[in-house]
């Protein structure tokens, strides 16, 4: 979905590029961590009694279930503890 005008995209790009590489890297990592926390909260809301191992597997599945075959995914999930 592209709902941002080209003018605003250019402004955003310019703001981003004014940051140092370290700042961009740090912000990127923070965004990844925030996304993971959102997924964890969503899973916990659906299953409040989930164990840490089950949560780890559920998060992995949510992120990667379309990137692996069913067999590959099941093999990976069995090894996550």
PDB file of N, CA and C in Angstrom:
ATOM      1  N   UNK A   1       0.842  -1.170   0.000  1.00  0.00           N
ATOM      2  CA  UNK A   1       0.000   0.000   0.000  1.00  0.00           C
ATOM      3  C   UNK A   1       0.891   1.238   0.000  1.00  0.00           C
ATOM      4  N   UNK A   2       0.613   2.142  -0.895  1.00  0.00           N
ATOM      5  CA  UNK A   2       1.382   3.383  -0.977  1.00  0.00           C
ATOM      6  C   UNK A   2       0.420   4.555  -0.790  1.00  0.00           C
ATOM      7  N   UNK A   3       0.310   5.030   0.442  1.00  0.00           N
ATOM      8  CA  UNK A   3      -0.626   6.117   0.712  1.00  0.00           C
ATOM      9  C   UNK A   3       0.072   7.410   1.121  1.00  0.00           C
ATOM     10  N   UNK A   4       1.378   7.467   0.929  1.00  0.00           N
ATOM     11  CA  UNK A   4       2.142   8.664   1.270  1.00  0.00           C
ATOM     12  C   UNK A   4       2.547   9.363  -0.025  1.00  0.00           C
ATOM     13  N   UNK A   5       2.338  10.668  -0.076  1.00  0.00           N
ATOM     14  CA  UNK A   5       2.654  11.413  -1.297  1.00  0.00           C
ATOM     15  C   UNK A   5       4.164  11.432  -1.535  1.00  0.00           C
ATOM     16  N   UNK A   6       4.570  11.566  -2.784  1.00  0.00           N
ATOM     17  CA  UNK A   6       6.006  11.626  -3.093  1.00  0.00           C
ATOM     18  C   UNK A   6       6.718  12.760  -2.364  1.00  0.00           C
ATOM     19  N   UNK A   7       6.035  13.870  -2.174  1.00  0.00           N
ATOM     20  CA  UNK A   7       6.654  15.016  -1.478  1.00  0.00           C
ATOM     21  C   UNK A   7       6.982  14.659  -0.027  1.00  0.00           C
ATOM     22  N   UNK A   8       6.046  13.999   0.627  1.00  0.00           N
ATOM     23  CA  UNK A   8       6.262  13.604   2.024  1.00  0.00           C
ATOM     24  C   UNK A   8       7.325  12.517   2.103  1.00  0.00           C
ATOM     25  N   UNK A   9       7.314  11.593   1.153  1.00  0.00           N
ATOM     26  CA  UNK A   9       8.353  10.555   1.127  1.00  0.00           C
ATOM     27  C   UNK A   9       9.738  11.176   1.018  1.00  0.00           C
ATOM     28  N   UNK A  10       9.868  12.216   0.214  1.00  0.00           N
ATOM     29  CA  UNK A  10      11.151  12.904   0.060  1.00  0.00           C
ATOM     30  C   UNK A  10      11.563  13.576   1.367  1.00  0.00           C
ATOM     31  N   UNK A  11      10.619  14.190   2.045  1.00  0.00           N
ATOM     32  CA  UNK A  11      10.916  14.815   3.344  1.00  0.00           C
ATOM     33  C   UNK A  11      11.380  13.755   4.341  1.00  0.00           C
ATOM     34  N   UNK A  12      10.650  12.643   4.388  1.00  0.00           N
ATOM     35  CA  UNK A  12      11.029  11.562   5.303  1.00  0.00           C
ATOM     36  C   UNK A  12      12.423  11.038   4.971  1.00  0.00           C
ATOM     37  N   UNK A  13      12.683  10.845   3.693  1.00  0.00           N
ATOM     38  CA  UNK A  13      13.993  10.347   3.272  1.00  0.00           C
ATOM     39  C   UNK A  13      15.101  11.313   3.688  1.00  0.00           C
ATOM     40  N   UNK A  14      14.871  12.589   3.478  1.00  0.00           N
ATOM     41  CA  UNK A  14      15.888  13.586   3.837  1.00  0.00           C
ATOM     42  C   UNK A  14      16.144  13.608   5.341  1.00  0.00           C
ATOM     43  N   UNK A  15      15.086  13.504   6.135  1.00  0.00           N
ATOM     44  CA  UNK A  15      15.249  13.446   7.596  1.00  0.00           C
ATOM     45  C   UNK A  15      16.072  12.229   7.974  1.00  0.00           C
ATOM     46  N   UNK A  16      15.726  11.094   7.377  1.00  0.00           N
ATOM     47  CA  UNK A  16      16.417   9.832   7.679  1.00  0.00           C
ATOM     48  C   UNK A  16      17.896   9.931   7.303  1.00  0.00           C
ATOM     49  N   UNK A  17      18.186  10.501   6.141  1.00  0.00           N
ATOM     50  CA  UNK A  17      19.559  10.547   5.661  1.00  0.00           C
ATOM     51  C   UNK A  17      20.416  11.558   6.425  1.00  0.00           C
ATOM     52  N   UNK A  18      19.794  12.485   7.148  1.00  0.00           N
ATOM     53  CA  UNK A  18      20.559  13.420   7.972  1.00  0.00           C
ATOM     54  C   UNK A  18      21.108  12.747   9.227  1.00  0.00           C
ATOM     55  N   UNK A  19      20.568  11.596   9.550  1.00  0.00           N
ATOM     56  CA  UNK A  19      21.036  10.860  10.728  1.00  0.00           C
ATOM     57  C   UNK A  19      22.326  10.126  10.380  1.00  0.00           C
ATOM     58  N   UNK A  20      23.145   9.882  11.394  1.00  0.00           N
ATOM     59  CA  UNK A  20      24.379   9.129  11.155  1.00  0.00           C
ATOM     60  C   UNK A  20      24.024   7.666  10.903  1.00  0.00           C
ATOM     61  N   UNK A  21      24.979   6.932  10.358  1.00  0.00           N
ATOM     62  CA  UNK A  21      24.756   5.502  10.136  1.00  0.00           C
ATOM     63  C   UNK A  21      24.427   4.794  11.444  1.00  0.00           C
ATOM     64  N   UNK A  22      25.103   5.190  12.507  1.00  0.00           N
ATOM     65  CA  UNK A  22      24.868   4.583  13.809  1.00  0.00           C
ATOM     66  C   UNK A  22      23.437   4.839  14.295  1.00  0.00           C
ATOM     67  N   UNK A  23      22.967   6.084  14.100  1.00  0.00           N
ATOM     68  CA  UNK A  23      21.597   6.419  14.507  1.00  0.00           C
ATOM     69  C   UNK A  23      20.580   5.617  13.694  1.00  0.00           C
ATOM     70  N   UNK A  24      20.811   5.519  12.381  1.00  0.00           N
ATOM     71  CA  UNK A  24      19.884   4.758  11.534  1.00  0.00           C
ATOM     72  C   UNK A  24      19.877   3.286  11.925  1.00  0.00           C
ATOM     73  N   UNK A  25      21.060   2.760  12.205  1.00  0.00           N
ATOM     74  CA  UNK A  25      21.149   1.358  12.617  1.00  0.00           C
ATOM     75  C   UNK A  25      20.400   1.143  13.929  1.00  0.00           C
ATOM     76  N   UNK A  26      20.657   2.006  14.914  1.00  0.00           N
ATOM     77  CA  UNK A  26      20.017   1.891  16.224  1.00  0.00           C
ATOM     78  C   UNK A  26      18.502   1.993  16.096  1.00  0.00           C
ATOM     79  N   UNK A  27      18.041   2.958  15.323  1.00  0.00           N
ATOM     80  CA  UNK A  27      16.598   3.120  15.133  1.00  0.00           C
ATOM     81  C   UNK A  27      15.985   1.907  14.434  1.00  0.00           C
ATOM     82  N   UNK A  28      16.704   1.354  13.476  1.00  0.00           N
ATOM     83  CA  UNK A  28      16.223   0.146  12.802  1.00  0.00           C
ATOM     84  C   UNK A  28      16.080  -1.015  13.772  1.00  0.00           C
ATOM     85  N   UNK A  29      17.073  -1.209  14.627  1.00  0.00           N
ATOM     86  CA  UNK A  29      17.020  -2.275  15.634  1.00  0.00           C
ATOM     87  C   UNK A  29      15.870  -2.032  16.603  1.00  0.00           C
ATOM     88  N   UNK A  30      15.683  -0.785  17.015  1.00  0.00           N
ATOM     89  CA  UNK A  30      14.572  -0.462  17.922  1.00  0.00           C
ATOM     90  C   UNK A  30      13.224  -0.775  17.276  1.00  0.00           C
ATOM     91  N   UNK A  31      13.101  -0.501  15.981  1.00  0.00           N
ATOM     92  CA  UNK A  31      11.843  -0.802  15.284  1.00  0.00           C
ATOM     93  C   UNK A  31      11.589  -2.306  15.237  1.00  0.00           C
ATOM     94  N   UNK A  32      12.645  -3.077  14.996  1.00  0.00           N
ATOM     95  CA  UNK A  32      12.514  -4.535  14.984  1.00  0.00           C
ATOM     96  C   UNK A  32      12.083  -5.028  16.363  1.00  0.00           C
ATOM     97  N   UNK A  33      12.727  -4.511  17.411  1.00  0.00           N
ATOM     98  CA  UNK A  33      12.382  -4.907  18.778  1.00  0.00           C
ATOM     99  C   UNK A  33      10.948  -4.526  19.119  1.00  0.00           C
ATOM    100  N   UNK A  34      10.525  -3.336  18.716  1.00  0.00           N
ATOM    101  CA  UNK A  34       9.142  -2.909  18.972  1.00  0.00           C
ATOM    102  C   UNK A  34       8.147  -3.811  18.259  1.00  0.00           C
ATOM    103  N   UNK A  35       8.456  -4.183  17.020  1.00  0.00           N
ATOM    104  CA  UNK A  35       7.583  -5.090  16.277  1.00  0.00           C
ATOM    105  C   UNK A  35       7.470  -6.436  16.965  1.00  0.00           C
ATOM    106  N   UNK A  36       8.597  -6.938  17.450  1.00  0.00           N
ATOM    107  CA  UNK A  36       8.587  -8.218  18.159  1.00  0.00           C
ATOM    108  C   UNK A  36       7.735  -8.129  19.430  1.00  0.00           C
ATOM    109  N   UNK A  37       7.878  -7.026  20.166  1.00  0.00           N
ATOM    110  CA  UNK A  37       7.090  -6.853  21.393  1.00  0.00           C
ATOM    111  C   UNK A  37       5.596  -6.819  21.079  1.00  0.00           C
ATOM    112  N   UNK A  38       5.216  -6.162  19.983  1.00  0.00           N
ATOM    113  CA  UNK A  38       3.811  -6.123  19.587  1.00  0.00           C
ATOM    114  C   UNK A  38       3.282  -7.522  19.283  1.00  0.00           C
ATOM    115  N   UNK A  39       4.092  -8.312  18.580  1.00  0.00           N
ATOM    116  CA  UNK A  39       3.690  -9.682  18.261  1.00  0.00           C
ATOM    117  C   UNK A  39       3.571 -10.499  19.546  1.00  0.00           C
ATOM    118  N   UNK A  40       4.535 -10.360  20.451  1.00  0.00           N
ATOM    119  CA  UNK A  40       4.473 -11.095  21.712  1.00  0.00           C
ATOM    120  C   UNK A  40       3.217 -10.720  22.503  1.00  0.00           C
ATOM    121  N   UNK A  41       2.903  -9.443  22.566  1.00  0.00           N
ATOM    122  CA  UNK A  41       1.699  -9.005  23.291  1.00  0.00           C
ATOM    123  C   UNK A  41       0.445  -9.571  22.659  1.00  0.00           C
ATOM    124  N   UNK A  42       0.394  -9.584  21.346  1.00  0.00           N
ATOM    125  CA  UNK A  42      -0.768 -10.128  20.644  1.00  0.00           C
ATOM    126  C   UNK A  42      -0.957 -11.604  20.967  1.00  0.00           C
ATOM    127  N   UNK A  43       0.135 -12.341  20.955  1.00  0.00           N
ATOM    128  CA  UNK A  43       0.071 -13.776  21.254  1.00  0.00           C
ATOM    129  C   UNK A  43      -0.329 -14.002  22.706  1.00  0.00           C
ATOM    130  N   UNK A  44       0.251 -13.224  23.618  1.00  0.00           N
ATOM    131  CA  UNK A  44      -0.090 -13.360  25.040  1.00  0.00           C
ATOM    132  C   UNK A  44      -1.549 -13.003  25.301  1.00  0.00           C
ATOM    133  N   UNK A  45      -2.078 -12.030  24.580  1.00  0.00           N
ATOM    134  CA  UNK A  45      -3.491 -11.680  24.740  1.00  0.00           C
ATOM    135  C   UNK A  45      -4.401 -12.828  24.309  1.00  0.00           C
ATOM    136  N   UNK A  46      -3.984 -13.552  23.276  1.00  0.00           N
ATOM    137  CA  UNK A  46      -4.757 -14.695  22.807  1.00  0.00           C
ATOM    138  C   UNK A  46      -4.601 -15.905  23.728  1.00  0.00           C
ATOM    139  N   UNK A  47      -3.455 -15.989  24.403  1.00  0.00           N
ATOM    140  CA  UNK A  47      -3.156 -17.148  25.246  1.00  0.00           C
ATOM    141  C   UNK A  47      -2.368 -16.674  26.477  1.00  0.00           C
ATOM    142  N   UNK A  48      -3.057 -16.165  27.491  1.00  0.00           N
ATOM    143  CA  UNK A  48      -2.371 -15.580  28.656  1.00  0.00           C
ATOM    144  C   UNK A  48      -1.497 -16.563  29.436  1.00  0.00           C
ATOM    145  N   UNK A  49      -1.764 -17.848  29.339  1.00  0.00           N
ATOM    146  CA  UNK A  49      -1.004 -18.845  30.100  1.00  0.00           C
ATOM    147  C   UNK A  49       0.131 -19.472  29.297  1.00  0.00           C
ATOM    148  N   UNK A  50       0.504 -18.869  28.192  1.00  0.00           N
ATOM    149  CA  UNK A  50       1.535 -19.438  27.327  1.00  0.00           C
ATOM    150  C   UNK A  50       2.877 -19.487  28.065  1.00  0.00           C
ATOM    151  N   UNK A  51       3.607 -20.565  27.865  1.00  0.00           N
ATOM    152  CA  UNK A  51       4.930 -20.698  28.479  1.00  0.00           C
ATOM    153  C   UNK A  51       5.948 -19.933  27.646  1.00  0.00           C
ATOM    154  N   UNK A  52       7.108 -19.623  28.228  1.00  0.00           N
ATOM    155  CA  UNK A  52       8.143 -18.927  27.456  1.00  0.00           C
ATOM    156  C   UNK A  52       8.560 -19.682  26.183  1.00  0.00           C
ATOM    157  N   UNK A  53       8.653 -21.005  26.262  1.00  0.00           N
ATOM    158  CA  UNK A  53       9.019 -21.792  25.082  1.00  0.00           C
ATOM    159  C   UNK A  53       7.922 -21.738  24.033  1.00  0.00           C
ATOM    160  N   UNK A  54       6.670 -21.869  24.457  1.00  0.00           N
ATOM    161  CA  UNK A  54       5.561 -21.776  23.508  1.00  0.00           C
ATOM    162  C   UNK A  54       5.501 -20.399  22.866  1.00  0.00           C
ATOM    163  N   UNK A  55       5.786 -19.361  23.644  1.00  0.00           N
ATOM    164  CA  UNK A  55       5.784 -18.001  23.118  1.00  0.00           C
ATOM    165  C   UNK A  55       6.880 -17.836  22.069  1.00  0.00           C
ATOM    166  N   UNK A  56       8.041 -18.365  22.353  1.00  0.00           N
ATOM    167  CA  UNK A  56       9.157 -18.290  21.409  1.00  0.00           C
ATOM    168  C   UNK A  56       8.777 -18.955  20.090  1.00  0.00           C
ATOM    169  N   UNK A  57       8.157 -20.110  20.174  1.00  0.00           N
ATOM    170  CA  UNK A  57       7.724 -20.834  18.967  1.00  0.00           C
ATOM    171  C   UNK A  57       6.630 -20.068  18.233  1.00  0.00           C
ATOM    172  N   UNK A  58       5.683 -19.516  18.965  1.00  0.00           N
ATOM    173  CA  UNK A  58       4.577 -18.784  18.348  1.00  0.00           C
ATOM    174  C   UNK A  58       5.076 -17.523  17.638  1.00  0.00           C
ATOM    175  N   UNK A  59       6.029 -16.831  18.253  1.00  0.00           N
ATOM    176  CA  UNK A  59       6.598 -15.637  17.630  1.00  0.00           C
ATOM    177  C   UNK A  59       7.322 -16.027  16.346  1.00  0.00           C
ATOM    178  N   UNK A  60       8.124 -17.067  16.421  1.00  0.00           N
ATOM    179  CA  UNK A  60       8.849 -17.518  15.226  1.00  0.00           C
ATOM    180  C   UNK A  60       7.868 -17.873  14.117  1.00  0.00           C
ATOM    181  N   UNK A  61       6.826 -18.609  14.491  1.00  0.00           N
ATOM    182  CA  UNK A  61       5.837 -19.015  13.496  1.00  0.00           C
ATOM    183  C   UNK A  61       5.141 -17.798  12.883  1.00  0.00           C
ATOM    184  N   UNK A  62       4.785 -16.823  13.699  1.00  0.00           N
ATOM    185  CA  UNK A  62       4.104 -15.628  13.200  1.00  0.00           C
ATOM    186  C   UNK A  62       4.984 -14.892  12.182  1.00  0.00           C
ATOM    187  N   UNK A  63       6.290 -14.811  12.465  1.00  0.00           N
ATOM    188  CA  UNK A  63       7.187 -14.093  11.571  1.00  0.00           C
ATOM    189  C   UNK A  63       7.547 -14.885  10.312  1.00  0.00           C
ATOM    190  N   UNK A  64       7.698 -16.209  10.446  1.00  0.00           N
ATOM    191  CA  UNK A  64       8.322 -16.971   9.365  1.00  0.00           C
ATOM    192  C   UNK A  64       7.474 -18.078   8.763  1.00  0.00           C
ATOM    193  N   UNK A  65       6.207 -18.199   9.125  1.00  0.00           N
ATOM    194  CA  UNK A  65       5.422 -19.331   8.633  1.00  0.00           C
ATOM    195  C   UNK A  65       5.266 -19.333   7.118  1.00  0.00           C
ATOM    196  N   UNK A  66       5.393 -18.194   6.469  1.00  0.00           N
ATOM    197  CA  UNK A  66       5.279 -18.155   5.010  1.00  0.00           C
ATOM    198  C   UNK A  66       6.620 -18.293   4.302  1.00  0.00           C
ATOM    199  N   UNK A  67       7.697 -18.383   5.069  1.00  0.00           N
ATOM    200  CA  UNK A  67       9.033 -18.460   4.484  1.00  0.00           C
ATOM    201  C   UNK A  67       9.578 -19.883   4.408  1.00  0.00           C
ATOM    202  N   UNK A  68       8.921 -20.818   5.070  1.00  0.00           N
ATOM    203  CA  UNK A  68       9.375 -22.203   5.103  1.00  0.00           C
ATOM    204  C   UNK A  68       8.232 -23.126   4.724  1.00  0.00           C
ATOM    205  N   UNK A  69       8.596 -24.317   4.236  1.00  0.00           N
ATOM    206  CA  UNK A  69       7.568 -25.332   4.010  1.00  0.00           C
ATOM    207  C   UNK A  69       7.061 -25.788   5.376  1.00  0.00           C
ATOM    208  N   UNK A  70       5.936 -26.465   5.386  1.00  0.00           N
ATOM    209  CA  UNK A  70       5.370 -26.962   6.647  1.00  0.00           C
ATOM    210  C   UNK A  70       6.371 -27.871   7.345  1.00  0.00           C
ATOM    211  N   UNK A  71       7.032 -28.728   6.575  1.00  0.00           N
ATOM    212  CA  UNK A  71       8.007 -29.657   7.160  1.00  0.00           C
ATOM    213  C   UNK A  71       9.184 -28.910   7.770  1.00  0.00           C
ATOM    214  N   UNK A  72       9.710 -27.930   7.028  1.00  0.00           N
ATOM    215  CA  UNK A  72      10.841 -27.151   7.542  1.00  0.00           C
ATOM    216  C   UNK A  72      10.442 -26.383   8.800  1.00  0.00           C
ATOM    217  N   UNK A  73       9.271 -25.775   8.766  1.00  0.00           N
ATOM    218  CA  UNK A  73       8.805 -25.004   9.914  1.00  0.00           C
ATOM    219  C   UNK A  73       8.669 -25.899  11.144  1.00  0.00           C
ATOM    220  N   UNK A  74       8.068 -27.063  10.964  1.00  0.00           N
ATOM    221  CA  UNK A  74       7.899 -27.990  12.093  1.00  0.00           C
ATOM    222  C   UNK A  74       9.244 -28.440  12.655  1.00  0.00           C
ATOM    223  N   UNK A  75      10.204 -28.686  11.785  1.00  0.00           N
ATOM    224  CA  UNK A  75      11.546 -29.092  12.245  1.00  0.00           C
ATOM    225  C   UNK A  75      12.180 -27.981  13.067  1.00  0.00           C
ATOM    226  N   UNK A  76      12.085 -26.767  12.583  1.00  0.00           N
ATOM    227  CA  UNK A  76      12.671 -25.624  13.304  1.00  0.00           C
ATOM    228  C   UNK A  76      11.965 -25.440  14.655  1.00  0.00           C
ATOM    229  N   UNK A  77      10.627 -25.484  14.644  1.00  0.00           N
ATOM    230  CA  UNK A  77       9.866 -25.279  15.881  1.00  0.00           C
ATOM    231  C   UNK A  77      10.197 -26.343  16.930  1.00  0.00           C
ATOM    232  N   UNK A  78      10.452 -27.565  16.505  1.00  0.00           N
ATOM    233  CA  UNK A  78      10.820 -28.634  17.451  1.00  0.00           C
ATOM    234  C   UNK A  78      12.139 -28.337  18.141  1.00  0.00           C
ATOM    235  N   UNK A  79      13.017 -27.620  17.473  1.00  0.00           N
ATOM    236  CA  UNK A  79      14.331 -27.330  18.036  1.00  0.00           C
ATOM    237  C   UNK A  79      14.382 -26.057  18.866  1.00  0.00           C
ATOM    238  N   UNK A  80      13.309 -25.260  18.844  1.00  0.00           N
ATOM    239  CA  UNK A  80      13.290 -24.033  19.637  1.00  0.00           C
ATOM    240  C   UNK A  80      12.878 -24.366  21.067  1.00  0.00           C
ATOM    241  N   UNK A  81      13.776 -24.114  21.995  1.00  0.00           N
ATOM    242  CA  UNK A  81      13.469 -24.367  23.404  1.00  0.00           C
ATOM    243  C   UNK A  81      13.855 -23.175  24.236  1.00  0.00           C
TER     244      UNK A  81
END
